[in-house]
């Protein structure tokens, strides 16, 4: 079993997916064998198998469906104790993750939100209003993910913010970290 599963959605990342996979692959912490990278794909893009092979990630093809259903399928195929759903601004493994992986089950949170610090006042205001932006990375322990039933399989863009709201409603300990 892996310490963490990092789950990408090919549709959400689009053309940025190779860049993000490359950044993670070059990070020396990836080579420690504690992490697995999975890409769920409902696009049918013929380039993805080659990309998955080049970066050593597991490609999970699925039928066209909402984001919540795609990510639930990826979690079902994953083996990590911590589930990471990267946002659009992930720049390698978050530094705080190293400390958390050494104490799995002992960390002081059930979910963590790694938010990107926005310089623009307007972007900070929008981030505060929505509480999670597409650039935020979400990390959830597997037991809490399963306890709340995973993502709502019918949601597309609201799947991740809705998961966070349910975690809050169930009084999960949520840590908010800065990138």
Protein backbone atom coordinates (compact mmCIF):
# COMPACT_ATOMS: atom_id res chain seq x y z
CA UNK A 1 0.00 0.00 0.00
CA UNK A 2 1.18 3.51 -0.79
CA UNK A 3 1.33 6.42 1.62
CA UNK A 4 -0.46 8.68 -0.85
CA UNK A 5 -2.37 8.51 -4.10
CA UNK A 6 -2.23 11.57 -6.31
CA UNK A 7 -5.26 11.59 -8.59
CA UNK A 8 -5.42 13.70 -11.74
CA UNK A 9 -8.42 14.19 -13.99
CA UNK A 10 -7.30 14.38 -17.62
CA UNK A 11 -10.30 16.49 -18.67
CA UNK A 12 -9.74 19.08 -15.92
CA UNK A 13 -6.00 19.42 -16.50
CA UNK A 14 -6.14 19.25 -20.29
CA UNK A 15 -2.96 20.46 -21.96
CA UNK A 16 -1.34 21.21 -18.58
CA UNK A 17 -1.31 17.53 -17.55
CA UNK A 18 2.13 16.68 -19.06
CA UNK A 19 3.70 19.68 -17.32
CA UNK A 20 2.25 18.69 -13.92
CA UNK A 21 3.25 15.05 -14.30
CA UNK A 22 6.75 16.14 -15.32
CA UNK A 23 7.12 18.36 -12.25
CA UNK A 24 6.06 15.54 -9.94
CA UNK A 25 8.24 12.98 -11.70
CA UNK A 26 11.33 15.22 -11.34
CA UNK A 27 10.67 15.74 -7.62
CA UNK A 28 13.08 13.44 -5.72
CA UNK A 29 10.35 12.49 -3.21
CA UNK A 30 8.39 10.75 -5.98
CA UNK A 31 11.13 8.16 -6.43
CA UNK A 32 10.84 6.98 -2.83
CA UNK A 33 8.00 4.62 -3.80
CA UNK A 34 5.57 6.10 -1.26
CA UNK A 35 3.34 7.74 -3.85
CA UNK A 36 1.26 6.53 -6.73
CA UNK A 37 0.09 8.75 -9.58
CA UNK A 38 -3.21 7.99 -11.28
CA UNK A 39 -4.85 9.75 -14.20
CA UNK A 40 -8.54 9.18 -14.83
CA UNK A 41 -9.53 9.80 -18.44
CA UNK A 42 -12.91 10.09 -20.08
CA UNK A 43 -11.60 11.99 -23.10
CA UNK A 44 -10.32 9.01 -25.07
CA UNK A 45 -7.26 11.06 -26.08
CA UNK A 46 -4.94 8.65 -27.93
CA UNK A 47 -1.84 10.45 -26.59
CA UNK A 48 -2.57 9.63 -22.95
CA UNK A 49 -1.31 6.00 -22.92
CA UNK A 50 2.08 7.18 -24.17
CA UNK A 51 2.10 10.00 -21.64
CA UNK A 52 1.22 7.60 -18.83
CA UNK A 53 3.98 5.24 -19.89
CA UNK A 54 6.56 8.04 -20.12
CA UNK A 55 5.81 9.34 -16.61
CA UNK A 56 5.09 5.97 -14.99
CA UNK A 57 1.53 6.76 -14.00
CA UNK A 58 -1.52 4.53 -13.99
CA UNK A 59 -4.07 5.51 -16.63
CA UNK A 60 -7.68 4.75 -15.75
CA UNK A 61 -9.96 5.04 -18.80
CA UNK A 62 -13.64 5.54 -18.03
CA UNK A 63 -16.82 6.43 -19.91
CA UNK A 64 -17.77 10.08 -20.22
CA UNK A 65 -19.30 11.10 -16.87
CA UNK A 66 -19.26 13.96 -14.33
CA UNK A 67 -16.09 14.82 -12.39
CA UNK A 68 -17.42 13.40 -9.12
CA UNK A 69 -17.99 9.99 -10.69
CA UNK A 70 -14.59 10.03 -12.43
CA UNK A 71 -12.74 10.84 -9.22
CA UNK A 72 -14.70 8.23 -7.23
CA UNK A 73 -13.61 5.64 -9.79
CA UNK A 74 -9.99 6.76 -9.46
CA UNK A 75 -10.14 6.51 -5.67
CA UNK A 76 -11.58 2.99 -5.95
CA UNK A 77 -8.54 1.98 -8.02
CA UNK A 78 -6.03 3.71 -5.73
CA UNK A 79 -4.16 2.25 -2.78
CA UNK A 80 -2.92 5.29 -0.83
CA UNK A 81 -3.79 6.19 2.74
CA UNK A 82 -3.91 9.87 1.78
CA UNK A 83 -5.80 10.98 -1.31
CA UNK A 84 -4.51 14.09 -3.06
CA UNK A 85 -6.54 15.91 -5.67
CA UNK A 86 -4.13 18.45 -7.17
CA UNK A 87 -5.25 21.88 -8.18
CA UNK A 88 -4.02 23.74 -11.22
CA UNK A 89 -1.11 25.36 -9.36
CA UNK A 90 0.67 22.31 -7.94
CA UNK A 91 4.45 22.82 -8.09
CA UNK A 92 5.78 19.45 -6.95
CA UNK A 93 4.99 17.63 -3.74
CA UNK A 94 3.85 20.02 -1.04
CA UNK A 95 6.62 20.38 1.57
CA UNK A 96 4.21 19.84 4.48
CA UNK A 97 3.29 16.42 3.04
CA UNK A 98 6.68 14.94 3.96
CA UNK A 99 6.06 15.41 7.67
CA UNK A 100 2.49 14.11 7.41
CA UNK A 101 3.53 10.92 5.62
CA UNK A 102 5.84 9.93 8.43
CA UNK A 103 2.93 10.10 10.89
CA UNK A 104 0.01 8.66 8.90
CA UNK A 105 -2.88 8.22 11.24
CA UNK A 106 -1.24 10.55 13.77
CA UNK A 107 -1.54 13.82 11.85
CA UNK A 108 -3.68 16.53 13.38
CA UNK A 109 -6.14 16.71 10.49
CA UNK A 110 -8.55 14.59 8.50
CA UNK A 111 -8.37 16.74 5.39
CA UNK A 112 -6.04 19.49 4.26
CA UNK A 113 -6.55 22.29 1.80
CA UNK A 114 -3.34 23.57 0.25
CA UNK A 115 -4.41 26.95 -1.00
CA UNK A 116 -2.49 29.11 -3.41
CA UNK A 117 -1.74 32.57 -2.08
CA UNK A 118 -3.31 35.02 -4.51
CA UNK A 119 -1.76 38.46 -4.80
CA UNK A 120 -4.79 40.07 -6.36
CA UNK A 121 -7.43 41.41 -3.96
CA UNK A 122 -10.18 40.28 -6.33
CA UNK A 123 -8.81 36.72 -6.51
CA UNK A 124 -8.47 36.58 -2.71
CA UNK A 125 -12.08 37.74 -2.36
CA UNK A 126 -13.32 35.14 -4.84
CA UNK A 127 -11.29 32.44 -3.08
CA UNK A 128 -12.82 33.46 0.26
CA UNK A 129 -16.33 33.40 -1.20
CA UNK A 130 -15.94 29.96 -2.77
CA UNK A 131 -13.69 28.59 0.01
CA UNK A 132 -11.88 26.41 -2.51
CA UNK A 133 -10.59 27.39 -5.87
CA UNK A 134 -9.60 25.24 -8.84
CA UNK A 135 -5.96 26.01 -8.01
CA UNK A 136 -6.17 24.49 -4.51
CA UNK A 137 -4.89 21.01 -3.76
CA UNK A 138 -7.13 18.89 -1.55
CA UNK A 139 -5.77 16.08 0.62
CA UNK A 140 -8.18 13.72 2.43
CA UNK A 141 -7.49 10.65 4.50
CA UNK A 142 -9.03 7.53 3.00
CA UNK A 143 -11.16 6.72 6.09
CA UNK A 144 -12.79 10.17 6.01
CA UNK A 145 -13.30 10.02 2.26
CA UNK A 146 -15.09 6.68 2.65
CA UNK A 147 -16.98 7.84 5.76
CA UNK A 148 -18.67 10.69 3.88
CA UNK A 149 -19.31 8.59 0.78
CA UNK A 150 -16.78 10.19 -1.55
CA UNK A 151 -17.70 12.73 -4.19
CA UNK A 152 -21.26 13.31 -5.31
CA UNK A 153 -21.18 11.37 -8.61
CA UNK A 154 -23.59 13.77 -10.29
CA UNK A 155 -21.51 16.92 -9.78
CA UNK A 156 -19.02 18.35 -12.25
CA UNK A 157 -17.41 21.66 -11.25
CA UNK A 158 -18.84 21.68 -7.72
CA UNK A 159 -17.65 18.17 -6.82
CA UNK A 160 -14.57 19.24 -4.84
CA UNK A 161 -16.08 22.26 -3.02
CA UNK A 162 -19.10 20.13 -2.12
CA UNK A 163 -16.82 17.42 -0.69
CA UNK A 164 -15.12 20.03 1.49
CA UNK A 165 -18.48 21.33 2.70
CA UNK A 166 -19.59 17.82 3.68
CA UNK A 167 -16.30 17.27 5.50
CA UNK A 168 -16.92 20.50 7.44
CA UNK A 169 -20.52 19.52 8.18
CA UNK A 170 -19.32 16.18 9.58
CA UNK A 171 -16.80 18.03 11.75
CA UNK A 172 -13.72 16.64 10.10
CA UNK A 173 -10.52 18.37 11.17
CA UNK A 174 -9.53 20.45 8.16
CA UNK A 175 -6.12 22.08 8.00
CA UNK A 176 -5.65 25.04 5.70
CA UNK A 177 -2.09 25.36 4.48
CA UNK A 178 -0.47 27.94 2.23
CA UNK A 179 1.49 27.04 -0.85
